[in-house]
Amino acid sequence: MPQLFLRALLFAISITGLGRYVKMPVRTDPGKKLQGGLTLFFILGVLLWWLWLTHGATIEERIVPPIILPSPMEVLRAFPRLLAEQSLITSVLTSFNRILNGFALAAIVTLPLGIMMAAYPKVMAFFRPLALIGGYVPIVVFVPLSLTWFGIGETQKVGFLFLGCFVALLPAVIRAIDAVPDEYLTVAATKGATQWQLVSKVLFPVAAPAIWNSLRTAYGIGWSWIILAEIVNADKGIGYIISLSERRGHTASTYAIIIIICAIAVACDRLWQYGGKQLFPYIQAEN
């Protein structure tokens, strides 16, 4: 434990020193080429570190044994086996469908609830415990709760993802509405806007870009909890494949699935980002 704190402290000092002594402009766009190059440099550095840790023809020659960390080539060789033996594509599509359904249910419930809570103090007072759940209750406790409420079938998996997205999205929607300056409401009220118009014509439109980013984050959280969602009574899905691979000792397959999840997450996040630019081009213009 002391070593972990020491390493964390050294990292904090190093990254702070980078900002203190390296002359870099604050909040200045360095250009897409430089940003892409720095990101690529980080990825290559991680890959080289990975190769170094797993280099060696035998287990004894390796720094880290393959049961803990397989080599990049071992992970690549796991993909054909996953495609041929464990229906990888079908499992990915199944997990994607579960996440989409759970997220959609959470959005349908959370958006109006969060907006009403932030707009009306009486509604906030009544539903306040729901807003506190996300910050203090571990998501893992929803596994037995979802089993109790939804059974052990497909509904349980979607229901668990709904709960996970819900507790993450509700506080974010409330914060987005709360962040709208009171001056907007004052101006609208002097123009004769009704109480409902203050909500529908002022609060929600102004907060819409922030709410979109909250939806984007909540969708990503759905992918982070898919393994827990598929841990009980699943016969397909990427969480099921990881669980099966761990039981069989196929560590390379587990890392292959993790890479797939990361690739899907990046692709989906890009789509969310593109959608935000199309829906709210004025935000980009202001920046």
Protein backbone atom coordinates (compact mmCIF):
# COMPACT_ATOMS: atom_id res chain seq x y z
CA MET A 1 0.00 0.00 0.00
CA PRO A 2 2.71 2.62 0.81
CA GLN A 3 4.31 1.90 -2.60
CA LEU A 4 1.03 2.70 -4.34
CA PHE A 5 0.78 6.04 -2.56
CA LEU A 6 4.42 6.78 -3.35
CA ARG A 7 3.93 6.05 -7.04
CA ALA A 8 0.77 8.13 -7.12
CA LEU A 9 2.61 11.00 -5.44
CA LEU A 10 5.52 10.76 -7.90
CA PHE A 11 3.10 10.84 -10.81
CA ALA A 12 1.30 13.88 -9.37
CA ILE A 13 4.62 15.69 -8.90
CA SER A 14 5.79 14.79 -12.41
CA ILE A 15 2.63 15.90 -14.20
CA THR A 16 2.51 19.10 -12.13
CA GLY A 17 6.15 19.80 -12.94
CA LEU A 18 5.34 19.36 -16.62
CA GLY A 19 2.82 22.17 -16.41
CA ARG A 20 5.08 24.31 -14.25
CA TYR A 21 8.36 24.16 -16.14
CA VAL A 22 7.44 23.28 -19.73
CA LYS A 23 6.34 26.41 -21.54
CA MET A 24 2.93 25.46 -22.91
CA PRO A 25 0.10 27.93 -23.67
CA VAL A 26 -3.02 27.45 -21.56
CA ARG A 27 -6.21 26.44 -23.41
CA THR A 28 -4.67 27.00 -26.81
CA ASP A 29 -5.49 24.59 -29.61
CA PRO A 30 -2.20 23.00 -30.77
CA GLY A 31 -3.74 21.77 -34.03
CA LYS A 32 -5.22 18.43 -35.02
CA LYS A 33 -1.94 17.05 -36.38
CA LEU A 34 -0.04 17.66 -33.17
CA GLN A 35 -2.91 16.32 -31.06
CA GLY A 36 -3.10 13.20 -33.18
CA GLY A 37 0.67 12.75 -33.02
CA LEU A 38 0.72 13.03 -29.23
CA THR A 39 -2.12 10.50 -28.93
CA LEU A 40 -0.31 8.13 -31.28
CA PHE A 41 2.89 8.58 -29.28
CA PHE A 42 1.07 7.56 -26.10
CA ILE A 43 -0.42 4.47 -27.78
CA LEU A 44 2.97 3.43 -29.15
CA GLY A 45 4.54 3.94 -25.74
CA VAL A 46 1.95 1.68 -24.10
CA LEU A 47 2.45 -0.92 -26.86
CA LEU A 48 6.23 -0.91 -26.42
CA TRP A 49 5.86 -1.21 -22.66
CA TRP A 50 3.47 -4.13 -23.22
CA LEU A 51 5.94 -5.84 -25.56
CA TRP A 52 8.75 -5.37 -23.06
CA LEU A 53 6.75 -6.89 -20.19
CA THR A 54 5.72 -9.94 -22.25
CA HIS A 55 8.92 -10.52 -24.24
CA GLY A 56 10.39 -13.99 -23.99
CA ALA A 57 10.05 -17.42 -25.54
CA THR A 58 9.27 -19.12 -22.22
CA ILE A 59 7.33 -18.15 -19.10
CA GLU A 60 10.55 -17.94 -17.09
CA GLU A 61 12.00 -15.36 -19.50
CA ARG A 62 9.01 -13.05 -19.21
CA ILE A 63 8.67 -10.24 -16.70
CA VAL A 64 4.92 -10.90 -16.45
CA PRO A 65 3.54 -14.43 -17.07
CA PRO A 66 0.96 -14.92 -19.87
CA ILE A 67 -1.77 -15.96 -17.41
CA ILE A 68 -1.68 -12.36 -16.13
CA LEU A 69 -0.66 -10.43 -19.25
CA PRO A 70 -0.48 -12.14 -22.65
CA SER A 71 1.66 -10.66 -25.41
CA PRO A 72 0.13 -8.55 -28.20
CA MET A 73 0.57 -11.42 -30.68
CA GLU A 74 -1.19 -13.83 -28.32
CA VAL A 75 -4.09 -11.42 -28.07
CA LEU A 76 -4.26 -11.08 -31.86
CA ARG A 77 -4.29 -14.86 -32.23
CA ALA A 78 -7.29 -14.98 -29.88
CA PHE A 79 -9.55 -13.13 -32.34
CA PRO A 80 -9.94 -16.00 -34.87
CA ARG A 81 -10.80 -18.38 -32.02
CA LEU A 82 -13.42 -15.97 -30.69
CA LEU A 83 -14.95 -15.62 -34.15
CA ALA A 84 -15.01 -19.34 -34.85
CA GLU A 85 -15.82 -20.84 -31.46
CA GLN A 86 -17.71 -18.22 -29.47
CA SER A 87 -19.78 -16.31 -32.07
CA LEU A 88 -18.01 -13.02 -31.39
CA ILE A 89 -20.04 -10.92 -33.84
CA THR A 90 -23.36 -12.24 -32.52
CA SER A 91 -22.27 -11.55 -28.95
CA VAL A 92 -21.17 -8.00 -29.76
CA LEU A 93 -24.51 -7.28 -31.45
CA THR A 94 -26.37 -8.79 -28.50
CA SER A 95 -24.50 -6.61 -26.01
CA PHE A 96 -24.98 -3.56 -28.22
CA ASN A 97 -28.74 -4.18 -28.29
CA ARG A 98 -28.91 -4.60 -24.51
CA ILE A 99 -26.98 -1.38 -23.89
CA LEU A 100 -29.08 0.56 -26.38
CA ASN A 101 -32.33 -0.61 -24.79
CA GLY A 102 -31.16 0.07 -21.24
CA PHE A 103 -29.84 3.50 -22.18
CA ALA A 104 -33.00 4.42 -24.10
CA LEU A 105 -35.19 3.49 -21.13
CA ALA A 106 -32.98 5.56 -18.81
CA ALA A 107 -33.13 8.57 -21.15
CA ILE A 108 -36.93 8.36 -21.47
CA VAL A 109 -37.35 8.37 -17.69
CA THR A 110 -34.46 10.59 -16.63
CA LEU A 111 -34.76 13.55 -18.98
CA PRO A 112 -38.23 14.74 -17.90
CA LEU A 113 -37.58 13.80 -14.28
CA GLY A 114 -34.25 15.63 -14.12
CA ILE A 115 -35.64 18.72 -15.84
CA MET A 116 -38.64 18.87 -13.50
CA MET A 117 -36.46 18.35 -10.43
CA ALA A 118 -34.11 21.15 -11.41
CA ALA A 119 -36.94 23.49 -12.38
CA TYR A 120 -39.32 22.94 -9.49
CA PRO A 121 -37.95 22.81 -5.90
CA LYS A 122 -40.97 20.82 -4.66
CA VAL A 123 -40.30 18.07 -7.19
CA MET A 124 -36.62 18.15 -6.22
CA ALA A 125 -37.48 17.78 -2.53
CA PHE A 126 -39.66 14.73 -3.23
CA PHE A 127 -37.23 12.90 -5.52
CA ARG A 128 -33.98 14.04 -3.84
CA PRO A 129 -33.03 10.52 -2.65
CA LEU A 130 -32.87 9.37 -6.27
CA ALA A 131 -30.34 12.10 -7.08
CA LEU A 132 -28.14 11.03 -4.14
CA ILE A 133 -28.07 7.34 -5.09
CA GLY A 134 -25.67 7.75 -7.98
CA GLY A 135 -22.99 9.41 -5.87
CA TYR A 136 -22.90 6.99 -2.95
CA VAL A 137 -24.40 3.61 -3.87
CA PRO A 138 -22.02 1.20 -5.70
CA ILE A 139 -23.47 0.03 -8.99
CA VAL A 140 -22.76 -3.59 -8.09
CA VAL A 141 -25.60 -3.56 -5.55
CA PHE A 142 -28.05 -3.27 -8.44
CA VAL A 143 -27.18 -6.77 -9.62
CA PRO A 144 -29.17 -8.55 -6.88
CA LEU A 145 -31.83 -5.84 -7.01
CA SER A 146 -32.29 -6.30 -10.74
CA LEU A 147 -32.54 -10.06 -10.23
CA THR A 148 -35.28 -9.48 -7.66
CA TRP A 149 -37.19 -7.00 -9.78
CA PHE A 150 -36.72 -8.39 -13.29
CA GLY A 151 -35.91 -12.10 -12.88
CA ILE A 152 -32.94 -13.83 -14.53
CA GLY A 153 -33.86 -13.44 -18.20
CA GLU A 154 -33.19 -10.79 -20.81
CA THR A 155 -35.24 -8.20 -18.94
CA GLN A 156 -32.83 -8.36 -16.00
CA LYS A 157 -29.85 -7.47 -18.17
CA VAL A 158 -31.62 -4.52 -19.78
CA GLY A 159 -33.03 -3.50 -16.41
CA PHE A 160 -29.60 -3.48 -14.79
CA LEU A 161 -28.20 -1.30 -17.58
CA PHE A 162 -31.22 0.98 -17.21
CA LEU A 163 -30.45 1.41 -13.50
CA GLY A 164 -26.75 2.02 -14.19
CA CYS A 165 -27.46 4.69 -16.80
CA PHE A 166 -30.24 6.21 -14.70
CA VAL A 167 -28.15 6.88 -11.59
CA ALA A 168 -25.40 8.42 -13.73
CA LEU A 169 -27.66 10.51 -15.96
CA LEU A 170 -30.07 12.01 -13.41
CA PRO A 171 -27.55 14.17 -11.48
CA ALA A 172 -25.97 15.27 -14.77
CA VAL A 173 -29.30 16.48 -16.18
CA ILE A 174 -30.03 18.33 -12.95
CA ARG A 175 -26.63 20.03 -13.07
CA ALA A 176 -27.15 21.03 -16.70
CA ILE A 177 -30.46 22.74 -15.89
CA ASP A 178 -29.06 24.35 -12.73
CA ALA A 179 -26.20 25.82 -14.76
CA VAL A 180 -28.57 27.99 -16.83
CA PRO A 181 -28.10 31.60 -15.61
CA ASP A 182 -31.06 33.15 -13.80
CA GLU A 183 -30.80 36.17 -16.08
CA TYR A 184 -32.35 34.14 -18.91
CA LEU A 185 -35.39 33.41 -16.76
CA THR A 186 -35.66 37.03 -15.63
CA VAL A 187 -35.65 38.35 -19.20
CA ALA A 188 -38.19 35.77 -20.35
CA ALA A 189 -40.46 36.50 -17.38
CA THR A 190 -40.43 40.25 -18.13
CA LYS A 191 -41.55 39.38 -21.67
CA GLY A 192 -44.60 37.59 -20.28
CA ALA A 193 -43.44 33.97 -20.38
CA THR A 194 -45.49 31.53 -18.31
CA GLN A 195 -43.91 29.19 -15.78
CA TRP A 196 -44.08 26.28 -18.22
CA GLN A 197 -42.58 28.41 -20.99
CA LEU A 198 -39.66 29.22 -18.70
CA VAL A 199 -39.00 25.48 -18.57
CA SER A 200 -39.76 24.48 -22.16
CA LYS A 201 -38.56 27.61 -23.97
CA VAL A 202 -35.67 28.75 -21.77
CA LEU A 203 -34.22 26.16 -19.39
CA PHE A 204 -34.31 23.13 -21.67
CA PRO A 205 -33.09 24.80 -24.91
CA VAL A 206 -30.22 26.58 -23.15
CA ALA A 207 -29.19 23.41 -21.29
CA ALA A 208 -29.66 21.12 -24.32
CA PRO A 209 -25.94 20.97 -25.33
CA ALA A 210 -24.92 20.06 -21.78
CA ILE A 211 -27.70 17.47 -21.60
CA TRP A 212 -26.47 15.98 -24.87
CA ASN A 213 -22.99 15.57 -23.38
CA SER A 214 -24.59 13.96 -20.33
CA LEU A 215 -26.36 11.47 -22.58
CA ARG A 216 -23.07 10.79 -24.31
CA THR A 217 -21.40 10.03 -20.97
CA ALA A 218 -24.28 7.85 -19.75
CA TYR A 219 -24.17 5.78 -22.94
CA GLY A 220 -20.48 5.15 -22.38
CA ILE A 221 -21.24 4.07 -18.82
CA GLY A 222 -23.57 1.45 -20.27
CA TRP A 223 -20.60 -0.15 -22.03
CA SER A 224 -18.55 -0.04 -18.84
CA TRP A 225 -21.21 -2.05 -16.96
CA ILE A 226 -22.09 -4.58 -19.67
CA ILE A 227 -19.89 -7.26 -18.08
CA LEU A 228 -21.82 -7.06 -14.81
CA ALA A 229 -25.09 -7.04 -16.71
CA GLU A 230 -24.23 -10.31 -18.45
CA ILE A 231 -22.73 -12.10 -15.48
CA VAL A 232 -25.91 -14.02 -14.59
CA ASN A 233 -27.66 -16.57 -16.83
CA ALA A 234 -26.24 -15.31 -20.13
CA ASP A 235 -25.54 -17.54 -23.12
CA LYS A 236 -24.16 -14.81 -25.36
CA GLY A 237 -22.78 -11.30 -25.13
CA ILE A 238 -19.29 -9.91 -24.60
CA GLY A 239 -19.67 -10.13 -20.82
CA TYR A 240 -20.51 -13.80 -21.18
CA ILE A 241 -17.45 -14.37 -23.38
CA ILE A 242 -15.18 -12.70 -20.79
CA SER A 243 -16.65 -14.80 -17.99
CA LEU A 244 -16.24 -17.98 -20.04
CA SER A 245 -12.66 -17.08 -21.00
CA GLU A 246 -11.72 -16.44 -17.37
CA ARG A 247 -13.11 -19.81 -16.30
CA ARG A 248 -11.13 -21.55 -19.03
CA GLY A 249 -7.96 -19.57 -18.34
CA HIS A 250 -7.99 -17.91 -21.79
CA THR A 251 -6.52 -14.59 -20.66
CA ALA A 252 -5.70 -13.56 -24.24
CA SER A 253 -9.39 -13.80 -25.14
CA THR A 254 -10.26 -11.53 -22.22
CA TYR A 255 -7.82 -8.88 -23.41
CA ALA A 256 -9.15 -9.23 -26.96
CA ILE A 257 -12.67 -8.47 -25.73
CA ILE A 258 -11.38 -5.48 -23.77
CA ILE A 259 -9.80 -4.14 -26.97
CA ILE A 260 -13.10 -4.63 -28.81
CA ILE A 261 -14.99 -2.74 -26.10
CA CYS A 262 -12.48 0.14 -26.30
CA ALA A 263 -12.78 0.27 -30.10
CA ILE A 264 -16.58 0.33 -29.94
CA ALA A 265 -16.49 2.99 -27.22
CA VAL A 266 -14.25 5.25 -29.31
CA ALA A 267 -16.43 4.80 -32.42
CA CYS A 268 -19.65 5.50 -30.51
CA ASP A 269 -18.16 8.52 -28.80
CA ARG A 270 -17.16 9.93 -32.18
CA LEU A 271 -20.74 9.49 -33.39
CA TRP A 272 -22.07 11.28 -30.31
CA GLN A 273 -19.57 14.08 -30.89
CA TYR A 274 -20.58 14.38 -34.54
CA GLY A 275 -24.26 14.43 -33.57
CA GLY A 276 -23.60 17.23 -31.08
CA LYS A 277 -21.89 19.32 -33.74
CA GLN A 278 -24.85 18.87 -36.08
CA LEU A 279 -27.49 19.63 -33.44
CA PHE A 280 -25.69 22.53 -31.76
CA PRO A 281 -23.44 24.21 -34.35
CA TYR A 282 -23.73 27.51 -32.49
CA ILE A 283 -21.71 26.04 -29.62
CA GLN A 284 -18.80 25.42 -31.98
CA ALA A 285 -19.16 28.92 -33.41
CA GLU A 286 -18.99 30.46 -29.93
CA ASN A 287 -15.83 28.51 -29.14
